[in-house]
Protein backbone atom coordinates (compact mmCIF):
# COMPACT_ATOMS: atom_id res chain seq x y z
CA MET A 1 19.94 -19.50 -4.13
CA PRO A 2 17.00 -17.74 -5.65
CA VAL A 3 17.76 -14.45 -6.42
CA PHE A 4 15.41 -12.08 -7.79
CA TYR A 5 15.65 -8.80 -9.24
CA THR A 6 12.80 -8.11 -11.84
CA ILE A 7 9.30 -9.43 -11.88
CA GLU A 8 10.47 -11.11 -14.90
CA ASP A 9 12.40 -12.96 -12.97
CA LEU A 10 10.00 -13.45 -9.76
CA LEU A 11 7.84 -14.77 -12.96
CA ARG A 12 10.29 -17.26 -14.51
CA LYS A 13 10.95 -18.77 -11.10
CA ALA A 14 7.80 -19.14 -10.62
CA ASN A 15 6.75 -20.87 -13.82
CA GLU A 16 10.23 -22.94 -13.41
CA GLY A 17 9.71 -24.45 -9.93
CA SER A 18 5.50 -24.56 -10.37
CA CYS A 19 5.09 -22.72 -7.67
CA THR A 20 3.76 -19.34 -6.42
CA ILE A 21 5.31 -15.80 -5.80
CA SER A 22 4.97 -16.52 -1.90
CA ASP A 23 6.97 -19.67 -2.65
CA ILE A 24 9.71 -18.09 -4.55
CA VAL A 25 9.66 -15.40 -1.39
CA VAL A 26 9.79 -17.29 1.05
CA GLU A 27 13.00 -19.56 -0.16
CA TYR A 28 14.91 -16.02 -1.10
CA GLU A 29 13.79 -15.00 2.39
CA MET A 30 15.68 -17.93 4.20
CA LYS A 31 18.36 -18.00 2.34
CA ASN A 32 19.25 -14.12 2.57
CA SER A 33 18.51 -14.08 6.25
CA ASP A 34 19.30 -17.64 7.40
CA LEU A 35 15.87 -18.06 8.47
CA THR A 36 13.75 -21.18 9.04
CA ARG A 37 10.34 -21.47 6.72
CA GLU A 38 8.62 -21.45 10.02
CA GLU A 39 10.75 -18.33 10.64
CA VAL A 40 9.88 -16.40 7.59
CA TYR A 41 6.41 -16.85 8.35
CA GLN A 42 6.47 -16.53 11.84
CA ARG A 43 8.33 -12.56 11.44
CA MET A 44 5.15 -12.29 8.28
CA ALA A 45 2.77 -13.75 10.83
CA ASN A 46 3.89 -10.56 13.53
CA ASN A 47 3.59 -8.68 10.83
CA LEU A 48 0.13 -9.05 9.84
CA LYS A 49 -0.66 -8.98 14.20
CA VAL A 50 0.45 -5.19 14.19
CA MET A 51 -1.40 -5.17 10.56
CA LYS A 52 -4.85 -6.20 12.32
CA GLU A 53 -4.63 -4.35 15.66
CA ALA A 54 -4.15 -0.83 13.74
CA ALA A 55 -7.04 -1.76 11.37
CA GLU A 56 -8.70 -2.21 14.40
CA LYS A 57 -7.59 0.82 17.03
CA GLY A 58 -8.16 2.82 14.16
CA MET A 59 -11.85 2.26 13.44
CA GLN A 60 -12.25 3.20 17.33
CA GLN A 61 -9.88 6.75 17.43
CA THR A 62 -11.84 9.16 17.22
CA GLU A 63 -9.68 12.51 18.64
CA PRO A 64 -7.93 14.30 16.02
CA THR A 65 -4.31 14.75 15.08
CA GLN A 66 -2.42 17.00 16.87
CA SER A 67 -3.01 19.69 13.37
CA GLY A 68 -6.21 18.84 13.36
CA MET A 69 -6.62 17.69 9.65
CA ILE A 70 -7.62 13.93 10.53
CA SER A 71 -10.25 12.71 13.36
CA ASP A 72 -12.68 9.96 12.63
CA GLU A 73 -12.94 9.44 9.43
CA ALA A 74 -12.35 5.43 9.79
CA PHE A 75 -14.63 5.58 12.28
CA ARG A 76 -17.34 7.21 10.09
CA MET A 77 -16.59 4.32 7.10
CA ALA A 78 -16.72 1.84 10.09
CA LYS A 79 -20.41 3.10 11.37
CA VAL A 80 -21.68 3.19 7.91
CA ILE A 81 -20.41 -0.13 6.97
CA ARG A 82 -21.93 -1.39 10.41
CA GLU A 83 -25.56 0.30 9.73
CA GLY A 84 -25.79 -1.04 6.25
CA ARG A 85 -25.35 2.04 4.31
CA SER A 86 -22.52 1.98 2.79
CA LEU A 87 -22.57 2.55 -1.40
CA ALA A 88 -20.36 0.33 -2.26
CA GLY A 89 -20.82 -1.91 -0.43
CA GLY A 90 -18.66 -4.92 0.51
CA VAL A 91 -15.04 -5.72 0.24
CA ILE A 92 -14.68 -2.32 -1.39
CA SER A 93 -16.14 -0.13 2.11
CA ILE A 94 -14.60 -2.64 4.32
CA ALA A 95 -10.88 -1.64 2.20
CA LEU A 96 -11.69 1.80 2.61
CA ALA A 97 -12.24 1.37 6.51
CA LYS A 98 -9.22 -0.36 6.97
CA ALA A 99 -7.08 1.80 4.98
CA LEU A 100 -7.68 4.81 6.58
CA ALA A 101 -7.99 3.09 9.92
CA VAL A 102 -4.18 1.98 9.77
CA SER A 103 -3.19 5.33 8.07
CA THR A 104 -4.99 6.99 11.09
CA VAL A 105 -3.08 5.40 13.25
CA ASN A 106 0.41 6.37 11.96
CA ALA A 107 -0.73 9.89 11.53
CA THR A 108 -1.37 9.84 15.40
CA MET A 109 2.35 8.31 16.13
CA GLY A 110 0.80 4.94 16.77
CA LYS A 111 2.14 1.17 15.40
CA ILE A 112 1.97 0.52 11.91
CA VAL A 113 4.10 -2.00 9.61
CA ALA A 114 5.40 0.92 7.13
CA GLY A 115 4.97 -1.37 4.37
CA PRO A 116 6.30 -0.14 1.41
CA THR A 117 6.83 2.99 3.56
CA ALA A 118 4.96 4.77 6.66
CA GLY A 119 3.03 7.41 4.18
CA SER A 120 1.54 4.52 2.52
CA CYS A 121 0.81 2.43 5.52
CA GLY A 122 -2.70 1.65 4.79
CA ILE A 123 -2.85 0.14 1.14
CA VAL A 124 -1.52 -3.54 1.61
CA PRO A 125 -3.69 -4.17 5.20
CA GLY A 126 -6.36 -2.49 3.88
CA GLY A 127 -6.85 -4.55 0.75
CA LEU A 128 -5.76 -7.22 1.87
CA LEU A 129 -8.01 -7.56 4.97
CA ALA A 130 -11.01 -6.50 3.50
CA VAL A 131 -10.83 -8.99 0.80
CA ALA A 132 -9.62 -12.19 3.46
CA GLU A 133 -12.76 -10.83 5.54
CA VAL A 134 -15.24 -10.97 2.71
CA LYS A 135 -13.84 -14.03 1.36
CA GLY A 136 -13.24 -16.00 5.22
CA LEU A 137 -9.47 -16.49 4.04
CA ASN A 138 -7.65 -17.78 7.20
CA ASP A 139 -4.10 -15.93 8.65
CA ASP A 140 -2.23 -18.44 6.27
CA GLU A 141 -3.53 -17.21 3.39
CA ILE A 142 -3.00 -13.64 3.77
CA ILE A 143 0.22 -14.62 4.79
CA ARG A 144 0.81 -15.82 1.48
CA GLY A 145 -0.56 -12.18 -0.05
CA LEU A 146 1.59 -10.39 2.35
CA LEU A 147 4.56 -12.41 1.55
CA THR A 148 3.86 -12.35 -2.35
CA ALA A 149 3.15 -8.00 -2.01
CA ALA A 150 6.79 -7.73 -0.08
CA GLY A 151 8.14 -9.94 -2.90
CA LEU A 152 7.24 -7.01 -5.66
CA GLY A 153 8.34 -4.20 -3.63
CA LEU A 154 11.41 -5.31 -2.93
CA VAL A 155 11.88 -5.63 -6.69
CA VAL A 156 10.53 -2.23 -6.99
CA ALA A 157 13.14 -0.64 -4.15
CA ARG A 158 15.98 -2.59 -6.55
CA GLN A 159 14.91 -0.73 -9.72
CA ALA A 160 13.63 2.12 -8.37
CA THR A 161 13.20 3.62 -5.13
CA LEU A 162 9.88 3.89 -2.97
CA SER A 163 10.56 7.08 -1.69
CA GLY A 164 7.90 10.19 -2.14
CA ALA A 165 10.82 12.39 -1.66
CA ALA A 166 12.83 10.87 -4.84
CA GLY A 167 10.00 9.50 -6.86
CA GLY A 168 6.85 11.04 -5.97
CA CYS A 169 3.76 9.44 -4.38
CA GLN A 170 3.64 7.10 -7.38
CA ALA A 171 6.70 5.36 -5.75
CA GLU A 172 5.23 5.26 -2.17
CA CYS A 173 0.87 4.89 -3.03
CA GLY A 174 1.28 3.76 -6.64
CA VAL A 175 3.81 0.75 -5.93
CA GLY A 176 2.03 0.04 -2.41
CA THR A 177 -1.08 -0.21 -4.26
CA GLY A 178 0.54 -2.47 -6.57
CA MET A 179 2.03 -4.77 -3.91
CA ALA A 180 -1.67 -5.03 -2.55
CA ALA A 181 -3.09 -6.41 -6.17
CA GLY A 182 -0.62 -8.40 -6.70
CA GLY A 183 -1.00 -9.91 -2.97
CA ILE A 184 -4.86 -9.87 -3.87
CA VAL A 185 -4.50 -12.16 -6.99
CA GLU A 186 -1.92 -14.90 -4.81
CA MET A 187 -4.24 -15.32 -1.69
CA MET A 188 -7.34 -15.67 -4.21
CA GLY A 189 -6.01 -18.36 -5.53
CA GLY A 190 -4.50 -16.66 -9.46
CA THR A 191 -1.50 -17.68 -10.89
CA PRO A 192 1.88 -15.94 -10.66
CA GLU A 193 0.99 -14.25 -14.37
CA GLN A 194 -2.32 -13.05 -12.90
CA VAL A 195 -0.18 -12.04 -9.67
CA ILE A 196 1.81 -9.80 -12.03
CA ALA A 197 -0.74 -8.48 -14.67
CA ALA A 198 -2.56 -7.06 -11.17
CA PHE A 199 0.44 -5.13 -10.33
CA ALA A 200 1.34 -4.30 -13.65
CA LEU A 201 -1.89 -2.65 -13.79
CA ALA A 202 -2.66 -1.16 -10.01
CA LEU A 203 0.72 0.81 -10.76
CA LYS A 204 0.55 1.84 -14.13
CA ASN A 205 -2.54 3.74 -13.55
CA MET A 206 -1.05 5.57 -10.63
CA LEU A 207 2.08 7.25 -12.60
CA GLY A 208 2.39 10.61 -11.73
CA LEU A 209 1.13 10.67 -8.81
CA VAL A 210 3.18 13.31 -7.06
CA CYS A 211 3.73 13.83 -3.14
CA ASP A 212 2.58 17.12 -1.60
CA PRO A 213 1.94 16.85 2.09
CA VAL A 214 0.16 20.25 3.21
CA ALA A 215 2.11 21.15 6.41
CA GLY A 216 4.95 18.33 5.96
CA LEU A 217 2.27 16.18 8.02
CA VAL A 218 1.81 12.54 6.60
CA GLU A 219 -2.37 13.37 6.79
CA VAL A 220 -3.42 15.66 3.91
CA PRO A 221 -3.93 13.87 1.03
CA CYS A 222 -2.06 11.00 2.68
CA VAL A 223 -5.20 9.06 4.40
CA LYS A 224 -7.84 8.99 2.44
CA ARG A 225 -5.35 8.55 -0.33
CA ASN A 226 -4.27 5.30 1.37
CA ALA A 227 -8.29 4.56 1.34
CA LEU A 228 -8.82 5.11 -2.27
CA SER A 229 -5.82 3.56 -3.18
CA ALA A 230 -7.10 0.27 -1.55
CA SER A 231 -10.07 0.28 -3.50
CA HIS A 232 -8.20 1.04 -6.73
CA ALA A 233 -5.94 -2.66 -5.64
CA ILE A 234 -8.98 -4.32 -5.35
CA SER A 235 -10.38 -3.30 -8.98
CA SER A 236 -6.94 -4.23 -10.16
CA ALA A 237 -7.05 -7.64 -8.58
CA GLU A 238 -10.37 -7.89 -10.09
CA LEU A 239 -9.15 -7.63 -13.50
CA ALA A 240 -6.51 -9.36 -13.59
CA LEU A 241 -8.49 -12.85 -11.87
CA ALA A 242 -10.77 -12.05 -14.90
CA GLY A 243 -7.56 -12.69 -17.37
CA ILE A 244 -7.21 -8.85 -18.32
CA GLY A 245 -3.50 -7.86 -18.62
CA SER A 246 -1.44 -5.50 -18.97
CA VAL A 247 0.40 -4.76 -22.26
CA ILE A 248 2.89 -2.92 -20.65
CA PRO A 249 5.61 -5.74 -18.76
CA ALA A 250 5.65 -4.75 -15.51
CA ASP A 251 9.32 -4.32 -15.31
CA GLU A 252 8.91 -1.72 -17.85
CA VAL A 253 6.22 -0.42 -16.28
CA ILE A 254 8.66 0.06 -13.03
CA SER A 255 11.13 2.11 -14.87
CA ALA A 256 8.58 4.25 -16.58
CA MET A 257 7.08 5.20 -12.77
CA ASN A 258 11.33 5.78 -12.37
CA GLU A 259 12.12 8.37 -15.13
CA ILE A 260 8.50 10.43 -14.06
CA GLY A 261 9.50 10.45 -10.88
CA ASP A 262 13.04 11.92 -12.22
CA ALA A 263 11.05 14.43 -14.48
CA LEU A 264 8.86 15.98 -11.24
CA PRO A 265 9.68 18.46 -9.89
CA ARG A 266 11.32 19.06 -6.27
CA THR A 267 7.71 20.83 -5.43
CA LEU A 268 6.37 17.98 -6.00
CA LYS A 269 8.34 15.32 -4.70
CA GLU A 270 7.77 15.77 -0.42
CA THR A 271 8.21 18.87 -0.06
CA SER A 272 5.56 20.51 0.47
CA LEU A 273 6.14 23.65 -1.97
CA GLY A 274 3.96 22.17 -4.56
CA GLY A 275 0.64 20.54 -5.19
CA LEU A 276 -2.21 20.48 -2.62
CA ALA A 277 0.49 21.62 -0.10
CA ASN A 278 0.31 25.34 -2.12
CA THR A 279 -3.29 25.76 -2.38
CA GLU A 280 -4.65 28.99 -0.15
CA THR A 281 -5.61 26.29 2.43
CA GLY A 282 -3.16 24.34 2.87
CA LYS A 283 -0.33 27.56 3.15
CA ARG A 284 -3.36 28.39 5.83
CA ILE A 285 -3.50 25.15 7.28
CA ALA A 286 0.29 24.86 7.23
CA GLU A 287 1.08 28.26 8.88
CA LYS A 288 -1.39 27.55 11.49
CA PHE A 289 -0.33 24.36 12.58
CA LEU A 290 3.77 25.32 12.36
CA GLY A 291 2.58 28.89 14.50
CA SER A 292 1.62 26.94 16.94
CA MET A 293 5.02 24.47 17.09
CA LYS A 294 6.97 27.44 17.24
CA ILE A 295 4.64 28.85 20.21
CA ARG A 296 5.69 25.47 21.94
């Protein structure tokens, strides 16, 4: 049974079998869930369908959320791209739009894939779908990227945490960024070593990221943080595909993230008692929103 508990396990098994990270993840899922190879792929294809639908829906939404903090950000970004007014251009702008879109759907209680969490749900689809669109990749190639991302996330879940309440947003958006970076490299035909390098580069640059949602909602800073994280994932994949690695091994980066998460005060771990949630504006928004909820 192909079991992996560390990133090093994934890399070793891929090299021993002369296969990709996604191949290892598929074999694991077949044995662990008693599924056929086709069933594993179909399940991920279903996830991909939800991601695509959320990205499309979010870019058309213009109504504000109940709190009023999030409204038509994804629509605006998509409009900039359509009109050729993008500053970054190409894959980055598309990733921003799609990540904003999926996160907006989540904020409005729509259907998303919570990978690695609902609060970081826009990063993987934002990054992978943007790269696939620009590079003309098909669904099978995207699915391989998603399988790789899932395997990387599973290792973090085993070694540390994916919870903002336990480890801060580094455990949600940070890990989501690493997952997306590794998945993008797999889609682009990178080596297992490059997949792992992209993951490590992405995660280590987001260590210490706090979870400080205004009014306790997955809106500010979460939605825009997803967009910026998707662009960061693409940058990390670019570096890895160029042969640039991480001095600190991926498993040690995960360990460092866990240690930092333990050291963070509870005010910065999803309690909305610190950070942006504790600013004057953040507290004013919370009072207004929570007051309106009491009235209802």
